Amino acid sequence: MHTTRVNPDTRVIVETTVQTQALRKAVEIVGGEEQLGARLGLSAGTIRLFITGRINLPQRLFLQVVDIISADSVRIENPAATYVRRSRATD
């Protein structure tokens, strides 16, 4: 699925794809383009090129991005899973 819009600041047409949406979400989750680049073994500049659609995101990297997003959504949907339950002692 592709949608296009004009960036109001630059007046450049920006194409939004599932890949670019996923990249933006992953950047948000990990705390920035530099952090995502470090996790994927890429520079922040390369991440920006992928996000802007100037170069296509390879499938192997897209799957890594999906893993980042999926791990975050599991953590949010099931916060109890991150805590160890203690059993109550009966007296």
PDB file of N, CA and C in Angstrom:
ATOM      1  N   MET A   1       0.838  -1.170   0.000  1.00  0.00           N
ATOM      2  CA  MET A   1       0.000   0.000   0.000  1.00  0.00           C
ATOM      3  C   MET A   1       0.883   1.234   0.000  1.00  0.00           C
ATOM      4  N   HIS A   2       0.600   2.144  -0.893  1.00  0.00           N
ATOM      5  CA  HIS A   2       1.346   3.386  -1.006  1.00  0.00           C
ATOM      6  C   HIS A   2       0.391   4.561  -0.892  1.00  0.00           C
ATOM      7  N   THR A   3       0.826   5.563  -0.188  1.00  0.00           N
ATOM      8  CA  THR A   3       0.112   6.833  -0.185  1.00  0.00           C
ATOM      9  C   THR A   3       1.149   7.917  -0.429  1.00  0.00           C
ATOM     10  N   THR A   4       0.712   8.994  -0.991  1.00  0.00           N
ATOM     11  CA  THR A   4       1.639  10.099  -1.215  1.00  0.00           C
ATOM     12  C   THR A   4       1.089  11.354  -0.566  1.00  0.00           C
ATOM     13  N   ARG A   5       2.012  12.192  -0.160  1.00  0.00           N
ATOM     14  CA  ARG A   5       1.640  13.487   0.417  1.00  0.00           C
ATOM     15  C   ARG A   5       2.758  14.457   0.113  1.00  0.00           C
ATOM     16  N   VAL A   6       2.465  15.722   0.253  1.00  0.00           N
ATOM     17  CA  VAL A   6       3.475  16.751   0.054  1.00  0.00           C
ATOM     18  C   VAL A   6       3.930  17.227   1.422  1.00  0.00           C
ATOM     19  N   ASN A   7       5.233  17.176   1.638  1.00  0.00           N
ATOM     20  CA  ASN A   7       5.794  17.675   2.888  1.00  0.00           C
ATOM     21  C   ASN A   7       5.606  19.178   2.905  1.00  0.00           C
ATOM     22  N   PRO A   8       4.879  19.720   3.909  1.00  0.00           N
ATOM     23  CA  PRO A   8       4.595  21.160   3.916  1.00  0.00           C
ATOM     24  C   PRO A   8       5.840  22.031   4.081  1.00  0.00           C
ATOM     25  N   ASP A   9       6.896  21.479   4.668  1.00  0.00           N
ATOM     26  CA  ASP A   9       8.109  22.265   4.881  1.00  0.00           C
ATOM     27  C   ASP A   9       8.977  22.341   3.628  1.00  0.00           C
ATOM     28  N   THR A  10       9.080  21.223   2.915  1.00  0.00           N
ATOM     29  CA  THR A  10       9.990  21.175   1.768  1.00  0.00           C
ATOM     30  C   THR A  10       9.278  21.188   0.424  1.00  0.00           C
ATOM     31  N   ARG A  11       7.968  21.015   0.445  1.00  0.00           N
ATOM     32  CA  ARG A  11       7.158  20.939  -0.777  1.00  0.00           C
ATOM     33  C   ARG A  11       7.539  19.750  -1.664  1.00  0.00           C
ATOM     34  N   VAL A  12       8.173  18.751  -1.053  1.00  0.00           N
ATOM     35  CA  VAL A  12       8.589  17.554  -1.763  1.00  0.00           C
ATOM     36  C   VAL A  12       7.515  16.489  -1.584  1.00  0.00           C
ATOM     37  N   ILE A  13       7.224  15.759  -2.657  1.00  0.00           N
ATOM     38  CA  ILE A  13       6.254  14.669  -2.560  1.00  0.00           C
ATOM     39  C   ILE A  13       6.915  13.510  -1.828  1.00  0.00           C
ATOM     40  N   VAL A  14       6.247  13.025  -0.791  1.00  0.00           N
ATOM     41  CA  VAL A  14       6.759  11.930   0.021  1.00  0.00           C
ATOM     42  C   VAL A  14       5.819  10.753  -0.147  1.00  0.00           C
ATOM     43  N   GLU A  15       6.383   9.606  -0.489  1.00  0.00           N
ATOM     44  CA  GLU A  15       5.599   8.392  -0.619  1.00  0.00           C
ATOM     45  C   GLU A  15       5.684   7.628   0.690  1.00  0.00           C
ATOM     46  N   THR A  16       4.531   7.247   1.222  1.00  0.00           N
ATOM     47  CA  THR A  16       4.496   6.491   2.456  1.00  0.00           C
ATOM     48  C   THR A  16       4.133   5.051   2.132  1.00  0.00           C
ATOM     49  N   THR A  17       4.963   4.134   2.599  1.00  0.00           N
ATOM     50  CA  THR A  17       4.726   2.714   2.398  1.00  0.00           C
ATOM     51  C   THR A  17       4.679   2.031   3.761  1.00  0.00           C
ATOM     52  N   VAL A  18       4.336   0.779   3.752  1.00  0.00           N
ATOM     53  CA  VAL A  18       4.363   0.005   4.993  1.00  0.00           C
ATOM     54  C   VAL A  18       5.775   0.028   5.570  1.00  0.00           C
ATOM     55  N   GLN A  19       6.775  -0.069   4.697  1.00  0.00           N
ATOM     56  CA  GLN A  19       8.162  -0.062   5.161  1.00  0.00           C
ATOM     57  C   GLN A  19       8.525   1.263   5.827  1.00  0.00           C
ATOM     58  N   THR A  20       8.150   2.390   5.217  1.00  0.00           N
ATOM     59  CA  THR A  20       8.501   3.678   5.808  1.00  0.00           C
ATOM     60  C   THR A  20       7.742   3.903   7.114  1.00  0.00           C
ATOM     61  N   GLN A  21       6.498   3.446   7.180  1.00  0.00           N
ATOM     62  CA  GLN A  21       5.741   3.555   8.430  1.00  0.00           C
ATOM     63  C   GLN A  21       6.389   2.712   9.518  1.00  0.00           C
ATOM     64  N   ALA A  22       6.818   1.508   9.162  1.00  0.00           N
ATOM     65  CA  ALA A  22       7.473   0.628  10.130  1.00  0.00           C
ATOM     66  C   ALA A  22       8.791   1.242  10.612  1.00  0.00           C
ATOM     67  N   LEU A  23       9.545   1.814   9.694  1.00  0.00           N
ATOM     68  CA  LEU A  23      10.795   2.459  10.082  1.00  0.00           C
ATOM     69  C   LEU A  23      10.553   3.613  11.049  1.00  0.00           C
ATOM     70  N   ARG A  24       9.570   4.430  10.755  1.00  0.00           N
ATOM     71  CA  ARG A  24       9.268   5.560  11.656  1.00  0.00           C
ATOM     72  C   ARG A  24       8.891   5.057  13.051  1.00  0.00           C
ATOM     73  N   LYS A  25       8.100   3.994  13.118  1.00  0.00           N
ATOM     74  CA  LYS A  25       7.700   3.431  14.406  1.00  0.00           C
ATOM     75  C   LYS A  25       8.915   2.867  15.137  1.00  0.00           C
ATOM     76  N   ALA A  26       9.785   2.168  14.424  1.00  0.00           N
ATOM     77  CA  ALA A  26      10.984   1.610  15.049  1.00  0.00           C
ATOM     78  C   ALA A  26      11.905   2.712  15.559  1.00  0.00           C
ATOM     79  N   VAL A  27      12.028   3.795  14.806  1.00  0.00           N
ATOM     80  CA  VAL A  27      12.836   4.942  15.250  1.00  0.00           C
ATOM     81  C   VAL A  27      12.272   5.490  16.557  1.00  0.00           C
ATOM     82  N   GLU A  28      10.958   5.589  16.620  1.00  0.00           N
ATOM     83  CA  GLU A  28      10.301   6.078  17.835  1.00  0.00           C
ATOM     84  C   GLU A  28      10.561   5.132  19.012  1.00  0.00           C
ATOM     85  N   ILE A  29      10.480   3.844  18.776  1.00  0.00           N
ATOM     86  CA  ILE A  29      10.646   2.845  19.846  1.00  0.00           C
ATOM     87  C   ILE A  29      12.064   2.851  20.403  1.00  0.00           C
ATOM     88  N   VAL A  30      13.064   2.881  19.523  1.00  0.00           N
ATOM     89  CA  VAL A  30      14.451   2.766  19.996  1.00  0.00           C
ATOM     90  C   VAL A  30      15.063   4.096  20.397  1.00  0.00           C
ATOM     91  N   GLY A  31      14.404   5.196  20.063  1.00  0.00           N
ATOM     92  CA  GLY A  31      14.875   6.486  20.536  1.00  0.00           C
ATOM     93  C   GLY A  31      15.620   7.331  19.527  1.00  0.00           C
ATOM     94  N   GLY A  32      15.536   7.010  18.261  1.00  0.00           N
ATOM     95  CA  GLY A  32      16.155   7.869  17.254  1.00  0.00           C
ATOM     96  C   GLY A  32      16.734   7.092  16.086  1.00  0.00           C
ATOM     97  N   GLU A  33      17.067   7.845  15.045  1.00  0.00           N
ATOM     98  CA  GLU A  33      17.618   7.241  13.833  1.00  0.00           C
ATOM     99  C   GLU A  33      18.997   6.642  14.085  1.00  0.00           C
ATOM    100  N   GLU A  34      19.810   7.298  14.901  1.00  0.00           N
ATOM    101  CA  GLU A  34      21.140   6.775  15.212  1.00  0.00           C
ATOM    102  C   GLU A  34      21.041   5.445  15.948  1.00  0.00           C
ATOM    103  N   GLN A  35      20.105   5.363  16.911  1.00  0.00           N
ATOM    104  CA  GLN A  35      19.940   4.131  17.674  1.00  0.00           C
ATOM    105  C   GLN A  35      19.438   2.990  16.787  1.00  0.00           C
ATOM    106  N   LEU A  36      18.494   3.296  15.899  1.00  0.00           N
ATOM    107  CA  LEU A  36      18.005   2.256  14.999  1.00  0.00           C
ATOM    108  C   LEU A  36      19.117   1.829  14.051  1.00  0.00           C
ATOM    109  N   GLY A  37      19.860   2.793  13.543  1.00  0.00           N
ATOM    110  CA  GLY A  37      20.985   2.464  12.676  1.00  0.00           C
ATOM    111  C   GLY A  37      21.981   1.548  13.370  1.00  0.00           C
ATOM    112  N   ALA A  38      22.277   1.839  14.629  1.00  0.00           N
ATOM    113  CA  ALA A  38      23.211   1.006  15.387  1.00  0.00           C
ATOM    114  C   ALA A  38      22.679  -0.421  15.529  1.00  0.00           C
ATOM    115  N   ARG A  39      21.379  -0.561  15.777  1.00  0.00           N
ATOM    116  CA  ARG A  39      20.788  -1.902  15.919  1.00  0.00           C
ATOM    117  C   ARG A  39      20.798  -2.670  14.610  1.00  0.00           C
ATOM    118  N   LEU A  40      20.696  -1.945  13.493  1.00  0.00           N
ATOM    119  CA  LEU A  40      20.655  -2.602  12.185  1.00  0.00           C
ATOM    120  C   LEU A  40      22.009  -2.628  11.485  1.00  0.00           C
ATOM    121  N   GLY A  41      23.020  -2.008  12.097  1.00  0.00           N
ATOM    122  CA  GLY A  41      24.346  -1.955  11.482  1.00  0.00           C
ATOM    123  C   GLY A  41      24.431  -0.960  10.336  1.00  0.00           C
ATOM    124  N   LEU A  42      23.683   0.136  10.454  1.00  0.00           N
ATOM    125  CA  LEU A  42      23.620   1.158   9.409  1.00  0.00           C
ATOM    126  C   LEU A  42      23.874   2.532  10.008  1.00  0.00           C
ATOM    127  N   SER A  43      24.138   3.499   9.145  1.00  0.00           N
ATOM    128  CA  SER A  43      24.285   4.880   9.614  1.00  0.00           C
ATOM    129  C   SER A  43      22.900   5.530   9.737  1.00  0.00           C
ATOM    130  N   ALA A  44      22.830   6.605  10.506  1.00  0.00           N
ATOM    131  CA  ALA A  44      21.578   7.363  10.627  1.00  0.00           C
ATOM    132  C   ALA A  44      21.182   7.931   9.270  1.00  0.00           C
ATOM    133  N   GLY A  45      22.171   8.305   8.467  1.00  0.00           N
ATOM    134  CA  GLY A  45      21.892   8.820   7.126  1.00  0.00           C
ATOM    135  C   GLY A  45      21.218   7.788   6.241  1.00  0.00           C
ATOM    136  N   THR A  46      21.646   6.548   6.349  1.00  0.00           N
ATOM    137  CA  THR A  46      21.017   5.476   5.573  1.00  0.00           C
ATOM    138  C   THR A  46      19.589   5.248   6.041  1.00  0.00           C
ATOM    139  N   ILE A  47      19.373   5.312   7.345  1.00  0.00           N
ATOM    140  CA  ILE A  47      18.010   5.176   7.876  1.00  0.00           C
ATOM    141  C   ILE A  47      17.126   6.273   7.286  1.00  0.00           C
ATOM    142  N   ARG A  48      17.624   7.500   7.229  1.00  0.00           N
ATOM    143  CA  ARG A  48      16.851   8.606   6.648  1.00  0.00           C
ATOM    144  C   ARG A  48      16.543   8.357   5.171  1.00  0.00           C
ATOM    145  N   LEU A  49      17.496   7.797   4.444  1.00  0.00           N
ATOM    146  CA  LEU A  49      17.261   7.483   3.027  1.00  0.00           C
ATOM    147  C   LEU A  49      16.140   6.452   2.876  1.00  0.00           C
ATOM    148  N   PHE A  50      16.116   5.475   3.759  1.00  0.00           N
ATOM    149  CA  PHE A  50      15.035   4.478   3.730  1.00  0.00           C
ATOM    150  C   PHE A  50      13.704   5.128   4.085  1.00  0.00           C
ATOM    151  N   ILE A  51      13.687   5.952   5.127  1.00  0.00           N
ATOM    152  CA  ILE A  51      12.443   6.577   5.586  1.00  0.00           C
ATOM    153  C   ILE A  51      11.856   7.496   4.520  1.00  0.00           C
ATOM    154  N   THR A  52      12.718   8.212   3.823  1.00  0.00           N
ATOM    155  CA  THR A  52      12.231   9.132   2.790  1.00  0.00           C
ATOM    156  C   THR A  52      11.909   8.428   1.479  1.00  0.00           C
ATOM    157  N   GLY A  53      12.217   7.148   1.400  1.00  0.00           N
ATOM    158  CA  GLY A  53      11.914   6.394   0.189  1.00  0.00           C
ATOM    159  C   GLY A  53      12.913   6.600  -0.934  1.00  0.00           C
ATOM    160  N   ARG A  54      14.034   7.214  -0.625  1.00  0.00           N
ATOM    161  CA  ARG A  54      15.049   7.440  -1.670  1.00  0.00           C
ATOM    162  C   ARG A  54      15.723   6.142  -2.073  1.00  0.00           C
ATOM    163  N   ILE A  55      15.831   5.220  -1.118  1.00  0.00           N
ATOM    164  CA  ILE A  55      16.301   3.875  -1.437  1.00  0.00           C
ATOM    165  C   ILE A  55      15.344   2.878  -0.799  1.00  0.00           C
ATOM    166  N   ASN A  56      15.233   1.719  -1.421  1.00  0.00           N
ATOM    167  CA  ASN A  56      14.304   0.701  -0.926  1.00  0.00           C
ATOM    168  C   ASN A  56      14.923  -0.089   0.219  1.00  0.00           C
ATOM    169  N   LEU A  57      14.102  -0.386   1.194  1.00  0.00           N
ATOM    170  CA  LEU A  57      14.522  -1.165   2.352  1.00  0.00           C
ATOM    171  C   LEU A  57      14.566  -2.638   1.972  1.00  0.00           C
ATOM    172  N   PRO A  58      15.736  -3.282   2.098  1.00  0.00           N
ATOM    173  CA  PRO A  58      15.807  -4.717   1.798  1.00  0.00           C
ATOM    174  C   PRO A  58      14.920  -5.524   2.755  1.00  0.00           C
ATOM    175  N   GLN A  59      14.429  -6.635   2.266  1.00  0.00           N
ATOM    176  CA  GLN A  59      13.500  -7.450   3.053  1.00  0.00           C
ATOM    177  C   GLN A  59      14.110  -7.898   4.372  1.00  0.00           C
ATOM    178  N   ARG A  60      15.381  -8.283   4.387  1.00  0.00           N
ATOM    179  CA  ARG A  60      15.992  -8.757   5.636  1.00  0.00           C
ATOM    180  C   ARG A  60      15.998  -7.659   6.699  1.00  0.00           C
ATOM    181  N   LEU A  61      16.211  -6.404   6.278  1.00  0.00           N
ATOM    182  CA  LEU A  61      16.175  -5.297   7.231  1.00  0.00           C
ATOM    183  C   LEU A  61      14.747  -4.997   7.663  1.00  0.00           C
ATOM    184  N   PHE A  62      13.815  -5.099   6.716  1.00  0.00           N
ATOM    185  CA  PHE A  62      12.407  -4.882   7.056  1.00  0.00           C
ATOM    186  C   PHE A  62      11.974  -5.886   8.121  1.00  0.00           C
ATOM    187  N   LEU A  63      12.390  -7.134   8.001  1.00  0.00           N
ATOM    188  CA  LEU A  63      12.022  -8.143   8.998  1.00  0.00           C
ATOM    189  C   LEU A  63      12.632  -7.831  10.360  1.00  0.00           C
ATOM    190  N   GLN A  64      13.832  -7.275  10.395  1.00  0.00           N
ATOM    191  CA  GLN A  64      14.434  -6.863  11.659  1.00  0.00           C
ATOM    192  C   GLN A  64      13.644  -5.710  12.285  1.00  0.00           C
ATOM    193  N   VAL A  65      13.192  -4.786  11.445  1.00  0.00           N
ATOM    194  CA  VAL A  65      12.385  -3.658  11.921  1.00  0.00           C
ATOM    195  C   VAL A  65      11.068  -4.179  12.495  1.00  0.00           C
ATOM    196  N   VAL A  66      10.460  -5.123  11.809  1.00  0.00           N
ATOM    197  CA  VAL A  66       9.209  -5.725  12.297  1.00  0.00           C
ATOM    198  C   VAL A  66       9.439  -6.401  13.648  1.00  0.00           C
ATOM    199  N   ASP A  67      10.572  -7.071  13.818  1.00  0.00           N
ATOM    200  CA  ASP A  67      10.890  -7.696  15.103  1.00  0.00           C
ATOM    201  C   ASP A  67      10.964  -6.656  16.222  1.00  0.00           C
ATOM    202  N   ILE A  68      11.560  -5.510  15.939  1.00  0.00           N
ATOM    203  CA  ILE A  68      11.652  -4.440  16.945  1.00  0.00           C
ATOM    204  C   ILE A  68      10.260  -3.964  17.338  1.00  0.00           C
ATOM    205  N   ILE A  69       9.419  -3.750  16.353  1.00  0.00           N
ATOM    206  CA  ILE A  69       8.057  -3.279  16.611  1.00  0.00           C
ATOM    207  C   ILE A  69       7.256  -4.337  17.354  1.00  0.00           C
ATOM    208  N   SER A  70       7.394  -5.587  16.936  1.00  0.00           N
ATOM    209  CA  SER A  70       6.645  -6.674  17.570  1.00  0.00           C
ATOM    210  C   SER A  70       7.039  -6.849  19.030  1.00  0.00           C
ATOM    211  N   ALA A  71       8.319  -6.783  19.309  1.00  0.00           N
ATOM    212  CA  ALA A  71       8.783  -6.925  20.690  1.00  0.00           C
ATOM    213  C   ALA A  71       8.220  -5.818  21.559  1.00  0.00           C
ATOM    214  N   ASP A  72       8.146  -4.605  21.027  1.00  0.00           N
ATOM    215  CA  ASP A  72       7.603  -3.488  21.788  1.00  0.00           C
ATOM    216  C   ASP A  72       6.109  -3.658  22.026  1.00  0.00           C
ATOM    217  N   SER A  73       5.379  -4.125  21.017  1.00  0.00           N
ATOM    218  CA  SER A  73       3.929  -4.270  21.188  1.00  0.00           C
ATOM    219  C   SER A  73       3.602  -5.385  22.165  1.00  0.00           C
ATOM    220  N   VAL A  74       4.401  -6.449  22.205  1.00  0.00           N
ATOM    221  CA  VAL A  74       4.177  -7.519  23.181  1.00  0.00           C
ATOM    222  C   VAL A  74       4.404  -6.976  24.580  1.00  0.00           C
ATOM    223  N   ARG A  75       5.443  -6.172  24.754  1.00  0.00           N
ATOM    224  CA  ARG A  75       5.748  -5.591  26.062  1.00  0.00           C
ATOM    225  C   ARG A  75       4.609  -4.691  26.529  1.00  0.00           C
ATOM    226  N   ILE A  76       4.029  -3.916  25.616  1.00  0.00           N
ATOM    227  CA  ILE A  76       2.949  -2.997  25.977  1.00  0.00           C
ATOM    228  C   ILE A  76       1.658  -3.754  26.264  1.00  0.00           C
ATOM    229  N   GLU A  77       1.335  -4.749  25.435  1.00  0.00           N
ATOM    230  CA  GLU A  77       0.084  -5.483  25.590  1.00  0.00           C
ATOM    231  C   GLU A  77       0.080  -6.396  26.799  1.00  0.00           C
ATOM    232  N   ASN A  78       1.231  -6.864  27.229  1.00  0.00           N
ATOM    233  CA  ASN A  78       1.292  -7.798  28.334  1.00  0.00           C
ATOM    234  C   ASN A  78       2.360  -7.375  29.338  1.00  0.00           C
ATOM    235  N   PRO A  79       2.150  -6.239  30.006  1.00  0.00           N
ATOM    236  CA  PRO A  79       3.182  -5.751  30.925  1.00  0.00           C
ATOM    237  C   PRO A  79       3.446  -6.697  32.089  1.00  0.00           C
ATOM    238  N   ALA A  80       2.465  -7.510  32.469  1.00  0.00           N
ATOM    239  CA  ALA A  80       2.653  -8.447  33.576  1.00  0.00           C
ATOM    240  C   ALA A  80       3.698  -9.495  33.235  1.00  0.00           C
ATOM    241  N   ALA A  81       3.899  -9.753  31.965  1.00  0.00           N
ATOM    242  CA  ALA A  81       4.880 -10.755  31.550  1.00  0.00           C
ATOM    243  C   ALA A  81       6.304 -10.319  31.866  1.00  0.00           C
ATOM    244  N   THR A  82       6.528  -9.035  32.089  1.00  0.00           N
ATOM    245  CA  THR A  82       7.873  -8.552  32.372  1.00  0.00           C
ATOM    246  C   THR A  82       8.197  -8.592  33.862  1.00  0.00           C
ATOM    247  N   TYR A  83       7.233  -8.909  34.671  1.00  0.00           N
ATOM    248  CA  TYR A  83       7.445  -8.976  36.104  1.00  0.00           C
ATOM    249  C   TYR A  83       7.378 -10.414  36.581  1.00  0.00           C
ATOM    250  N   VAL A  84       8.205 -10.732  37.559  1.00  0.00           N
ATOM    251  CA  VAL A  84       8.179 -12.065  38.146  1.00  0.00           C
ATOM    252  C   VAL A  84       7.181 -12.030  39.292  1.00  0.00           C
ATOM    253  N   ARG A  85       6.262 -12.965  39.281  1.00  0.00           N
ATOM    254  CA  ARG A  85       5.274 -13.030  40.363  1.00  0.00           C
ATOM    255  C   ARG A  85       5.873 -13.756  41.553  1.00  0.00           C
ATOM    256  N   ARG A  86       5.590 -13.251  42.712  1.00  0.00           N
ATOM    257  CA  ARG A  86       6.029 -13.905  43.933  1.00  0.00           C
ATOM    258  C   ARG A  86       4.822 -14.614  44.549  1.00  0.00           C
ATOM    259  N   SER A  87       5.066 -15.802  45.012  1.00  0.00           N
ATOM    260  CA  SER A  87       3.957 -16.521  45.652  1.00  0.00           C
ATOM    261  C   SER A  87       3.819 -16.021  47.079  1.00  0.00           C
ATOM    262  N   ARG A  88       2.585 -15.986  47.549  1.00  0.00           N
ATOM    263  CA  ARG A  88       2.338 -15.564  48.925  1.00  0.00           C
ATOM    264  C   ARG A  88       2.536 -16.732  49.863  1.00  0.00           C
ATOM    265  N   ALA A  89       3.193 -16.458  50.947  1.00  0.00           N
ATOM    266  CA  ALA A  89       3.378 -17.504  51.971  1.00  0.00           C
ATOM    267  C   ALA A  89       2.125 -17.569  52.821  1.00  0.00           C
ATOM    268  N   THR A  90       1.633 -18.744  53.056  1.00  0.00           N
ATOM    269  CA  THR A  90       0.441 -18.895  53.898  1.00  0.00           C
ATOM    270  C   THR A  90       0.876 -19.247  55.310  1.00  0.00           C
ATOM    271  N   ASP A  91       0.266 -18.618  56.292  1.00  0.00           N
ATOM    272  CA  ASP A  91       0.636 -18.853  57.696  1.00  0.00           C
ATOM    273  C   ASP A  91      -0.353 -19.763  58.344  1.00  0.00           C
TER     274      ASP A  91
END
